Amino acid sequence: MKQASVRTTVDIPTDLYRQLKQQAAARGCSVRELVLAGAKIALLEEQKPRPRRVQFPLIGSGKRKVALTNEQIYEYIEFP
């Protein structure tokens, strides 16, 4: 049983079509199959959840913040 399909027309720039034909020949498939594969990939990409932006700090200390100047830090830690 043949799968139902819709015929459509898409204007593809000549240079891009030549690249499609070359790629299809290299893969041993038709331009149609290559275009359908690309459309499926584009649809799958849209279904992937987008990564959330990270909020810093990742782990909060939960303690009071300490305000130290560089000079105060140098008093406690020896630097070469």
C-alpha atoms as a PDB file:
ATOM      1  CA  MET A   1       0.000   0.000   0.000  1.00  0.00           C
ATOM      2  CA  LYS A   2       1.457   3.345  -1.026  1.00  0.00           C
ATOM      3  CA  GLN A   3       1.808   6.001   1.647  1.00  0.00           C
ATOM      4  CA  ALA A   4      -0.286   9.132   1.075  1.00  0.00           C
ATOM      5  CA  SER A   5       1.770  12.132   0.053  1.00  0.00           C
ATOM      6  CA  VAL A   6       1.396  15.707  -1.108  1.00  0.00           C
ATOM      7  CA  ARG A   7       3.100  17.070  -4.192  1.00  0.00           C
ATOM      8  CA  THR A   8       4.556  20.554  -3.824  1.00  0.00           C
ATOM      9  CA  THR A   9       6.883  22.878  -5.671  1.00  0.00           C
ATOM     10  CA  VAL A  10       9.923  24.409  -4.057  1.00  0.00           C
ATOM     11  CA  ASP A  11      12.237  26.882  -5.763  1.00  0.00           C
ATOM     12  CA  ILE A  12      15.818  25.852  -5.014  1.00  0.00           C
ATOM     13  CA  PRO A  13      18.743  28.007  -6.150  1.00  0.00           C
ATOM     14  CA  THR A  14      20.692  26.379  -8.980  1.00  0.00           C
ATOM     15  CA  ASP A  15      23.955  26.067  -7.058  1.00  0.00           C
ATOM     16  CA  LEU A  16      22.203  24.442  -4.114  1.00  0.00           C
ATOM     17  CA  TYR A  17      20.367  22.008  -6.407  1.00  0.00           C
ATOM     18  CA  ARG A  18      23.647  20.976  -8.021  1.00  0.00           C
ATOM     19  CA  GLN A  19      25.076  20.264  -4.570  1.00  0.00           C
ATOM     20  CA  LEU A  20      21.940  18.263  -3.697  1.00  0.00           C
ATOM     21  CA  LYS A  21      22.311  16.175  -6.857  1.00  0.00           C
ATOM     22  CA  GLN A  22      25.989  15.522  -6.153  1.00  0.00           C
ATOM     23  CA  GLN A  23      25.302  14.558  -2.548  1.00  0.00           C
ATOM     24  CA  ALA A  24      22.402  12.310  -3.559  1.00  0.00           C
ATOM     25  CA  ALA A  25      24.567  10.555  -6.154  1.00  0.00           C
ATOM     26  CA  ALA A  26      27.363  10.100  -3.617  1.00  0.00           C
ATOM     27  CA  ARG A  27      24.906   8.535  -1.160  1.00  0.00           C
ATOM     28  CA  GLY A  28      23.190   6.435  -3.821  1.00  0.00           C
ATOM     29  CA  CYS A  29      19.760   7.982  -3.306  1.00  0.00           C
ATOM     30  CA  SER A  30      17.494  10.422  -5.118  1.00  0.00           C
ATOM     31  CA  VAL A  31      17.286  14.167  -4.561  1.00  0.00           C
ATOM     32  CA  ARG A  32      13.754  13.588  -3.278  1.00  0.00           C
ATOM     33  CA  GLU A  33      14.973  11.166  -0.617  1.00  0.00           C
ATOM     34  CA  LEU A  34      17.715  13.581   0.436  1.00  0.00           C
ATOM     35  CA  VAL A  35      15.286  16.508   0.723  1.00  0.00           C
ATOM     36  CA  LEU A  36      12.832  14.379   2.742  1.00  0.00           C
ATOM     37  CA  ALA A  37      15.635  13.295   5.082  1.00  0.00           C
ATOM     38  CA  GLY A  38      16.591  16.943   5.599  1.00  0.00           C
ATOM     39  CA  ALA A  39      12.981  17.892   6.346  1.00  0.00           C
ATOM     40  CA  LYS A  40      12.725  15.091   8.923  1.00  0.00           C
ATOM     41  CA  ILE A  41      15.935  16.231  10.605  1.00  0.00           C
ATOM     42  CA  ALA A  42      14.665  19.827  10.733  1.00  0.00           C
ATOM     43  CA  LEU A  43      11.424  18.685  12.376  1.00  0.00           C
ATOM     44  CA  LEU A  44      13.248  16.512  14.910  1.00  0.00           C
ATOM     45  CA  GLU A  45      15.571  19.398  15.846  1.00  0.00           C
ATOM     46  CA  GLU A  46      12.554  21.531  16.693  1.00  0.00           C
ATOM     47  CA  GLN A  47      11.173  18.847  19.012  1.00  0.00           C
ATOM     48  CA  LYS A  48      14.342  18.668  21.132  1.00  0.00           C
ATOM     49  CA  PRO A  49      14.104  20.579  24.378  1.00  0.00           C
ATOM     50  CA  ARG A  50      16.320  23.639  24.402  1.00  0.00           C
ATOM     51  CA  PRO A  51      18.961  23.714  27.106  1.00  0.00           C
ATOM     52  CA  ARG A  52      18.160  25.978  30.020  1.00  0.00           C
ATOM     53  CA  ARG A  53      20.388  28.926  30.793  1.00  0.00           C
ATOM     54  CA  VAL A  54      22.498  28.382  33.866  1.00  0.00           C
ATOM     55  CA  GLN A  55      22.092  30.738  36.805  1.00  0.00           C
ATOM     56  CA  PHE A  56      25.252  31.431  38.789  1.00  0.00           C
ATOM     57  CA  PRO A  57      26.292  30.564  41.412  1.00  0.00           C
ATOM     58  CA  LEU A  58      25.418  26.938  40.741  1.00  0.00           C
ATOM     59  CA  ILE A  59      25.772  26.026  44.405  1.00  0.00           C
ATOM     60  CA  GLY A  60      24.980  28.673  46.964  1.00  0.00           C
ATOM     61  CA  SER A  61      27.019  28.717  50.158  1.00  0.00           C
ATOM     62  CA  GLY A  62      24.086  29.559  52.399  1.00  0.00           C
ATOM     63  CA  LYS A  63      26.496  31.448  54.630  1.00  0.00           C
ATOM     64  CA  ARG A  64      27.258  35.101  55.115  1.00  0.00           C
ATOM     65  CA  LYS A  65      29.397  36.693  52.466  1.00  0.00           C
ATOM     66  CA  VAL A  66      32.849  37.802  53.510  1.00  0.00           C
ATOM     67  CA  ALA A  67      34.147  41.092  52.200  1.00  0.00           C
ATOM     68  CA  LEU A  68      37.937  40.929  51.980  1.00  0.00           C
ATOM     69  CA  THR A  69      40.316  43.155  50.131  1.00  0.00           C
ATOM     70  CA  ASN A  70      43.318  41.782  48.277  1.00  0.00           C
ATOM     71  CA  GLU A  71      45.591  43.089  51.029  1.00  0.00           C
ATOM     72  CA  GLN A  72      43.643  41.168  53.666  1.00  0.00           C
ATOM     73  CA  ILE A  73      43.832  37.991  51.609  1.00  0.00           C
ATOM     74  CA  TYR A  74      47.611  38.411  51.190  1.00  0.00           C
ATOM     75  CA  GLU A  75      47.948  38.562  54.991  1.00  0.00           C
ATOM     76  CA  TYR A  76      46.503  35.025  55.310  1.00  0.00           C
ATOM     77  CA  ILE A  77      47.912  33.359  52.193  1.00  0.00           C
ATOM     78  CA  GLU A  78      51.534  33.447  51.109  1.00  0.00           C
ATOM     79  CA  PHE A  79      52.102  33.981  47.443  1.00  0.00           C
ATOM     80  CA  PRO A  80      55.491  33.412  45.822  1.00  0.00           C
END
